[in-house]
Amino acid sequence: MRLVATAVIAAALVGAASASAPARLSAGSADLSVTNSPSPNPAKVGTNMVFTVGVANAGPNAASAVVAKESLPTGFSLVSAVPSVGTCTGTTCSLGTLASGGSATVTVTVKADQAVSGVKSTATVSSSTTDPNAANNKAPATVGSFVAVIDFAYDPNAAKTRLGQKVNWEFTGNAPHTVTDDTGIGLYDSGTQTHGAAYNFTYPSAGTFLYICTIHHFTGTISLPPTASPAKAPLGSSHTVTWAKAAPPAGDVFDVQVKVPGGSFADWMTGVTSTSGVYVTSSGTGKYAFRARIRKPSTGKSSGYSPAVTIQAT
C-alpha cells in the first residue's frame, strides 16, 4: 500500500509541474519571414521592374527545404529570377536549408507589358520545418505601370491594357503636352499639362483608341481586347464574351464581331449597350475570335476594333 501511494503522489507532482511550466516552441521550429520590395514602381510600359524578395529565419532552429515564391502581377511577364542561394524554376525558388539567424534574397525581374494600375503581387515563403508564426510568411505589393509623355512623343507610342484597368500617363518632357482622345467620340482630355504632372483614364470598352497631343500633334494608341470564358470547351458549348465593364457613355453603343474557323470577321452584335453576350459555337471545331469597338451613331465616329480574343471549340 505504501509503494502504491508513493507512486500516485509522484505522478500527481509531475502533472502539476507540467501544467505550471511555461509554453515552449516545439522542437525543430523556425520562424521564417518574407519581404517584397518592387522598384521602380510604377514602371514605364516596356521597361523592367525588379522585386527584391528577402527571406529571414528568426529561429530558434534551422529551416529545411525553404521555398520562396513571387506571384507575377497582371500585365507583367517574367524576365528572370535569381536567388542568392539555391535555384529557381520560374518564380518558385528552392533555397535549401536556412540557418537560425540566416537570410537569403531572390531578385525577380519582370517586364511591364501593359498599362495597368493597382495590380497585386505577393511573395511567400514556406519550409518543411514547423513555423510558429505564419503571419509573416506572406508579403503583398501593389504595383503599376505608365505611358510616358516625353518631348515630343508618347513612350511607348502603342500600348496595351485590359478591361477595367486605369491607364496612367506621366508627363516627363519639359514642354507642355496633352493626352486627348482622337477617336472623334470625345472620351477624355487631360488639358495642358507640364513636367511632373500625371493623368489617368479608364477606357469604357474593348477597342483600339487613338489619342493626340493637341499642342504638338503627335499621336499614340491604347488597345484592349474583350475577354471570353471558358477559353476551351466542346463544340456546341456556351461562351461568355465580355467587351465592357459598364454601359457606354450616353449616346454611344458597342459593336462586336466574330470570326468562325476558316472564316472572316462578321457582325455578331451591332449597336448594343449590353456589356457581354453568350455565344454558342456551331461552325465546327477550331478557333473562334471576337473583337469589339465603341461607336457614336450620331456622328458615325468610333474607336478602331480591338485586338481579338479567341476561344477553342473541341
Protein backbone atom coordinates (compact mmCIF):
# COMPACT_ATOMS: atom_id res chain seq x y z
CA MET A 1 0.00 0.00 0.00
CA ARG A 2 2.83 2.38 0.88
CA LEU A 3 4.50 1.83 -2.55
CA VAL A 4 1.26 2.46 -4.43
CA ALA A 5 0.55 5.65 -2.51
CA THR A 6 4.07 6.95 -3.18
CA ALA A 7 3.68 6.31 -6.93
CA VAL A 8 0.35 8.15 -7.03
CA ILE A 9 1.78 11.15 -5.20
CA ALA A 10 4.81 11.29 -7.54
CA ALA A 11 2.60 11.18 -10.63
CA ALA A 12 0.46 14.00 -9.27
CA LEU A 13 3.53 16.14 -8.61
CA VAL A 14 4.83 15.57 -12.14
CA GLY A 15 1.46 16.53 -13.67
CA ALA A 16 1.28 19.68 -11.57
CA ALA A 17 4.78 20.70 -12.63
CA SER A 18 3.95 20.14 -16.30
CA ALA A 19 0.78 22.22 -16.06
CA SER A 20 2.58 25.13 -14.42
CA ALA A 21 5.57 25.16 -16.81
CA PRO A 22 5.62 27.99 -19.43
CA ALA A 23 4.79 27.07 -23.06
CA ARG A 24 7.82 26.48 -25.25
CA LEU A 25 8.36 26.30 -29.00
CA SER A 26 8.15 22.79 -30.33
CA ALA A 27 11.44 21.13 -31.19
CA GLY A 28 12.67 21.94 -34.68
CA SER A 29 10.63 25.10 -35.24
CA ALA A 30 11.88 28.06 -37.29
CA ASP A 31 10.22 31.47 -37.66
CA LEU A 32 10.60 32.41 -41.33
CA SER A 33 9.58 35.82 -42.68
CA VAL A 34 9.49 37.41 -46.13
CA THR A 35 9.62 40.95 -47.52
CA ASN A 36 8.70 42.15 -51.01
CA SER A 37 10.10 45.38 -52.49
CA PRO A 38 9.34 46.37 -56.14
CA SER A 39 11.34 49.08 -57.92
CA PRO A 40 10.78 51.25 -59.84
CA ASN A 41 7.09 51.38 -59.03
CA PRO A 42 5.33 52.27 -61.22
CA ALA A 43 7.45 51.24 -64.20
CA LYS A 44 7.18 52.64 -67.69
CA VAL A 45 5.44 50.27 -70.10
CA GLY A 46 8.08 48.28 -71.97
CA THR A 47 10.68 48.50 -69.19
CA ASN A 48 11.61 46.28 -66.26
CA MET A 49 10.58 46.26 -62.62
CA VAL A 50 12.67 44.40 -60.02
CA PHE A 51 11.16 42.67 -56.97
CA THR A 52 13.66 42.14 -54.16
CA VAL A 53 12.30 39.25 -52.09
CA GLY A 54 14.01 38.94 -48.72
CA VAL A 55 13.76 35.77 -46.62
CA ALA A 56 14.95 35.65 -43.00
CA ASN A 57 14.96 32.94 -40.30
CA ALA A 58 14.50 34.17 -36.72
CA GLY A 59 15.00 30.63 -35.41
CA PRO A 60 15.34 29.11 -32.95
CA ASN A 61 16.30 26.28 -35.33
CA ALA A 62 17.42 25.93 -38.91
CA ALA A 63 14.67 25.82 -41.56
CA SER A 64 14.86 22.98 -44.06
CA ALA A 65 13.65 22.88 -47.68
CA VAL A 66 12.91 26.62 -47.77
CA VAL A 67 10.89 27.74 -50.81
CA ALA A 68 10.24 31.37 -51.80
CA LYS A 69 7.72 32.36 -54.47
CA GLU A 70 6.71 35.62 -56.17
CA SER A 71 3.37 35.78 -57.98
CA LEU A 72 3.50 37.56 -61.34
CA PRO A 73 1.36 40.72 -61.36
CA THR A 74 -1.25 41.15 -64.09
CA GLY A 75 0.20 42.88 -67.14
CA PHE A 76 3.81 41.86 -66.41
CA SER A 77 5.94 38.99 -67.75
CA LEU A 78 8.90 37.22 -66.17
CA VAL A 79 12.41 38.17 -67.29
CA SER A 80 14.47 36.32 -64.66
CA ALA A 81 14.55 35.10 -61.07
CA VAL A 82 17.97 34.88 -59.41
CA PRO A 83 18.42 33.62 -55.81
CA SER A 84 21.40 34.37 -53.56
CA VAL A 85 21.42 30.64 -52.76
CA GLY A 86 19.67 27.67 -54.38
CA THR A 87 17.84 27.59 -57.70
CA CYS A 88 14.67 28.98 -59.29
CA THR A 89 12.15 27.50 -61.69
CA GLY A 90 10.01 30.34 -62.93
CA THR A 91 9.31 32.43 -59.84
CA THR A 92 9.48 29.44 -57.44
CA CYS A 93 12.88 29.27 -55.76
CA SER A 94 14.29 26.42 -53.67
CA LEU A 95 16.70 27.95 -51.14
CA GLY A 96 17.73 24.80 -49.28
CA THR A 97 18.43 24.99 -45.54
CA LEU A 98 18.46 28.40 -43.86
CA ALA A 99 20.29 28.57 -40.53
CA SER A 100 18.82 30.31 -37.50
CA GLY A 101 19.65 33.99 -37.94
CA GLY A 102 20.33 33.42 -41.63
CA SER A 103 18.82 35.18 -44.65
CA ALA A 104 18.56 34.90 -48.43
CA THR A 105 17.45 37.12 -51.28
CA VAL A 106 15.66 36.43 -54.56
CA THR A 107 15.81 39.07 -57.29
CA VAL A 108 12.81 38.74 -59.61
CA THR A 109 12.87 40.88 -62.75
CA VAL A 110 9.63 41.39 -64.68
CA LYS A 111 8.70 43.44 -67.74
CA ALA A 112 5.73 45.82 -67.84
CA ASP A 113 3.90 44.59 -70.95
CA GLN A 114 0.68 46.53 -70.39
CA ALA A 115 -0.53 49.78 -68.87
CA VAL A 116 -2.09 48.66 -65.57
CA SER A 117 -2.76 50.19 -62.16
CA GLY A 118 -3.14 48.80 -58.66
CA VAL A 119 -2.34 45.17 -59.50
CA LYS A 120 -1.14 42.77 -56.81
CA SER A 121 1.99 40.66 -56.49
CA THR A 122 2.63 38.53 -53.41
CA ALA A 123 5.85 36.98 -52.13
CA THR A 124 5.54 33.88 -49.93
CA VAL A 125 7.94 31.62 -48.04
CA SER A 126 7.47 28.06 -46.77
CA SER A 127 9.56 25.27 -45.26
CA SER A 128 9.32 21.65 -44.20
CA THR A 129 10.21 22.85 -40.68
CA THR A 130 7.37 23.90 -38.37
CA ASP A 131 6.86 27.68 -38.40
CA PRO A 132 5.35 29.09 -35.16
CA ASN A 133 4.33 32.36 -36.86
CA ALA A 134 2.62 32.02 -40.25
CA ALA A 135 1.53 35.66 -40.28
CA ASN A 136 4.88 36.85 -41.67
CA ASN A 137 5.14 34.19 -44.40
CA LYS A 138 3.40 36.42 -46.96
CA ALA A 139 4.21 39.92 -48.27
CA PRO A 140 1.88 41.56 -50.82
CA ALA A 141 2.85 44.51 -53.01
CA THR A 142 0.72 46.79 -55.20
CA VAL A 143 2.32 47.83 -58.49
CA GLY A 144 1.51 49.58 -61.74
CA SER A 145 2.89 50.96 -64.98
CA PHE A 146 2.55 54.10 -67.09
CA VAL A 147 2.96 55.63 -70.53
CA ALA A 148 5.48 58.48 -70.56
CA VAL A 149 4.70 61.78 -72.29
CA ILE A 150 8.10 62.96 -73.50
CA ASP A 151 9.22 65.70 -75.90
CA PHE A 152 7.62 65.05 -78.45
CA ALA A 153 6.08 61.60 -78.34
CA TYR A 154 4.23 59.09 -76.21
CA ASP A 155 6.56 56.39 -74.94
CA PRO A 156 5.64 53.74 -75.90
CA ASN A 157 3.69 55.00 -78.88
CA ALA A 158 1.39 51.96 -78.82
CA ALA A 159 0.42 50.37 -75.50
CA LYS A 160 -1.97 47.67 -74.38
CA THR A 161 -4.20 47.45 -71.33
CA ARG A 162 -7.09 45.34 -70.00
CA LEU A 163 -10.80 45.86 -69.43
CA GLY A 164 -11.39 47.90 -66.29
CA GLN A 165 -7.74 48.90 -65.91
CA LYS A 166 -6.81 52.54 -65.35
CA VAL A 167 -4.21 53.81 -67.85
CA ASN A 168 -1.71 56.27 -66.38
CA TRP A 169 0.34 58.85 -68.26
CA GLU A 170 3.27 60.66 -66.66
CA PHE A 171 4.46 63.93 -68.19
CA THR A 172 8.25 63.69 -68.18
CA GLY A 173 9.05 66.11 -71.01
CA ASN A 174 9.98 69.75 -70.47
CA ALA A 175 7.43 71.15 -72.94
CA PRO A 176 3.68 71.28 -72.19
CA HIS A 177 1.58 68.48 -73.70
CA THR A 178 -1.90 66.95 -73.63
CA VAL A 179 -3.42 63.47 -73.68
CA THR A 180 -6.61 63.90 -75.70
CA ASP A 181 -8.97 61.35 -77.25
CA ASP A 182 -8.68 61.41 -81.05
CA THR A 183 -11.38 58.88 -81.98
CA GLY A 184 -13.93 61.65 -82.53
CA ILE A 185 -16.06 60.34 -79.65
CA GLY A 186 -14.72 62.87 -77.13
CA LEU A 187 -13.94 60.41 -74.37
CA TYR A 188 -11.28 62.39 -72.47
CA ASP A 189 -8.92 65.37 -72.48
CA SER A 190 -6.17 65.94 -69.92
CA GLY A 191 -5.88 69.63 -70.74
CA THR A 192 -2.42 71.20 -70.94
CA GLN A 193 0.00 69.51 -68.53
CA THR A 194 3.60 70.30 -67.66
CA HIS A 195 6.63 68.37 -66.42
CA GLY A 196 5.86 66.21 -63.36
CA ALA A 197 2.09 66.05 -63.93
CA ALA A 198 0.10 62.83 -64.26
CA TYR A 199 -3.22 61.90 -65.85
CA ASN A 200 -5.29 58.73 -65.95
CA PHE A 201 -8.32 57.33 -67.76
CA THR A 202 -10.23 54.04 -67.71
CA TYR A 203 -11.35 53.06 -71.20
CA PRO A 204 -15.06 52.19 -71.44
CA SER A 205 -14.72 49.10 -73.62
CA ALA A 206 -12.56 46.90 -75.76
CA GLY A 207 -11.20 48.72 -78.79
CA THR A 208 -8.18 50.45 -80.28
CA PHE A 209 -8.13 54.09 -79.21
CA LEU A 210 -6.19 56.84 -80.95
CA TYR A 211 -5.14 59.84 -78.84
CA ILE A 212 -3.21 63.02 -79.56
CA CYS A 213 -1.26 65.90 -78.07
CA THR A 214 -3.33 68.85 -79.30
CA ILE A 215 -0.36 71.19 -78.90
CA HIS A 216 2.31 69.32 -80.89
CA HIS A 217 0.08 66.86 -82.81
CA PHE A 218 1.91 63.61 -82.09
CA THR A 219 -0.31 60.58 -81.52
CA GLY A 220 -0.45 57.26 -79.72
CA THR A 221 -2.78 54.29 -79.34
CA ILE A 222 -4.13 52.24 -76.46
CA SER A 223 -5.69 48.87 -77.29
CA LEU A 224 -7.54 46.36 -75.16
CA PRO A 225 -9.26 43.10 -76.15
CA PRO A 226 -12.55 41.59 -74.92
CA THR A 227 -12.45 38.59 -72.59
CA ALA A 228 -14.05 35.18 -73.16
CA SER A 229 -14.81 32.27 -70.86
CA PRO A 230 -14.38 29.35 -70.95
CA ALA A 231 -11.33 29.55 -73.22
CA LYS A 232 -11.80 25.94 -74.38
CA ALA A 233 -14.89 23.71 -74.50
CA PRO A 234 -16.60 21.08 -76.68
CA LEU A 235 -18.37 22.23 -79.84
CA GLY A 236 -21.87 23.47 -79.02
CA SER A 237 -20.85 24.94 -75.66
CA SER A 238 -21.80 28.41 -74.45
CA HIS A 239 -19.06 31.03 -74.02
CA THR A 240 -19.48 34.40 -72.30
CA VAL A 241 -17.78 37.20 -74.22
CA THR A 242 -17.30 40.48 -72.32
CA TRP A 243 -16.40 43.72 -74.11
CA ALA A 244 -17.06 46.30 -71.39
CA LYS A 245 -17.26 46.62 -67.61
CA ALA A 246 -20.12 49.13 -67.70
CA ALA A 247 -22.70 50.57 -70.10
CA PRO A 248 -21.29 53.03 -72.67
CA PRO A 249 -21.46 56.81 -72.20
CA ALA A 250 -24.83 58.28 -73.17
CA GLY A 251 -25.29 58.27 -76.95
CA ASP A 252 -22.61 55.61 -77.57
CA VAL A 253 -23.00 51.92 -78.46
CA PHE A 254 -20.86 48.81 -78.84
CA ASP A 255 -20.27 46.74 -81.98
CA VAL A 256 -18.97 43.17 -81.65
CA GLN A 257 -17.73 40.89 -84.44
CA VAL A 258 -16.95 37.18 -84.57
CA LYS A 259 -14.70 35.11 -86.83
CA VAL A 260 -15.55 31.41 -87.08
CA PRO A 261 -12.96 28.76 -88.02
CA GLY A 262 -11.87 29.31 -91.61
CA GLY A 263 -13.93 32.50 -91.92
CA SER A 264 -13.53 36.30 -91.71
CA PHE A 265 -14.79 38.77 -89.14
CA ALA A 266 -18.53 39.43 -89.40
CA ASP A 267 -21.02 41.37 -87.27
CA TRP A 268 -22.36 39.48 -84.25
CA MET A 269 -23.85 42.28 -82.15
CA THR A 270 -24.26 45.79 -83.54
CA GLY A 271 -25.34 48.97 -81.77
CA VAL A 272 -25.78 47.36 -78.35
CA THR A 273 -25.37 48.84 -74.88
CA SER A 274 -25.02 45.48 -73.14
CA THR A 275 -21.56 44.68 -71.81
CA SER A 276 -21.42 40.96 -72.63
CA GLY A 277 -23.14 38.19 -74.56
CA VAL A 278 -23.30 34.41 -74.77
CA TYR A 279 -22.00 32.75 -77.92
CA VAL A 280 -22.66 29.09 -78.74
CA THR A 281 -20.08 27.52 -81.05
CA SER A 282 -21.79 25.91 -84.03
CA SER A 283 -19.48 26.31 -87.04
CA GLY A 284 -17.15 23.42 -86.48
CA THR A 285 -14.19 22.78 -84.25
CA GLY A 286 -11.26 25.19 -84.09
CA LYS A 287 -10.66 28.77 -83.03
CA TYR A 288 -13.34 31.43 -82.82
CA ALA A 289 -12.23 35.08 -82.47
CA PHE A 290 -14.08 38.12 -81.13
CA ARG A 291 -13.32 41.83 -81.38
CA ALA A 292 -15.23 44.96 -80.37
CA ARG A 293 -15.35 48.73 -80.63
CA ILE A 294 -17.30 51.69 -79.25
CA ARG A 295 -19.23 53.96 -81.65
CA LYS A 296 -21.22 57.20 -81.58
CA PRO A 297 -24.15 56.69 -84.02
CA SER A 298 -24.98 60.40 -84.19
CA THR A 299 -21.63 61.20 -85.82
CA GLY A 300 -20.50 57.83 -87.16
CA LYS A 301 -17.23 58.20 -85.25
CA SER A 302 -15.78 55.16 -83.48
CA SER A 303 -12.71 53.63 -81.96
CA GLY A 304 -10.86 51.07 -84.01
CA TYR A 305 -11.73 47.43 -83.48
CA SER A 306 -9.91 45.80 -80.60
CA PRO A 307 -7.32 43.07 -80.70
CA ALA A 308 -9.15 39.74 -80.82
CA VAL A 309 -9.75 37.28 -78.02
CA THR A 310 -10.03 33.63 -79.07
CA ILE A 311 -11.79 30.54 -77.81
CA GLN A 312 -11.25 26.91 -78.83
CA ALA A 313 -14.08 24.54 -79.78
CA THR A 314 -13.03 20.90 -79.49
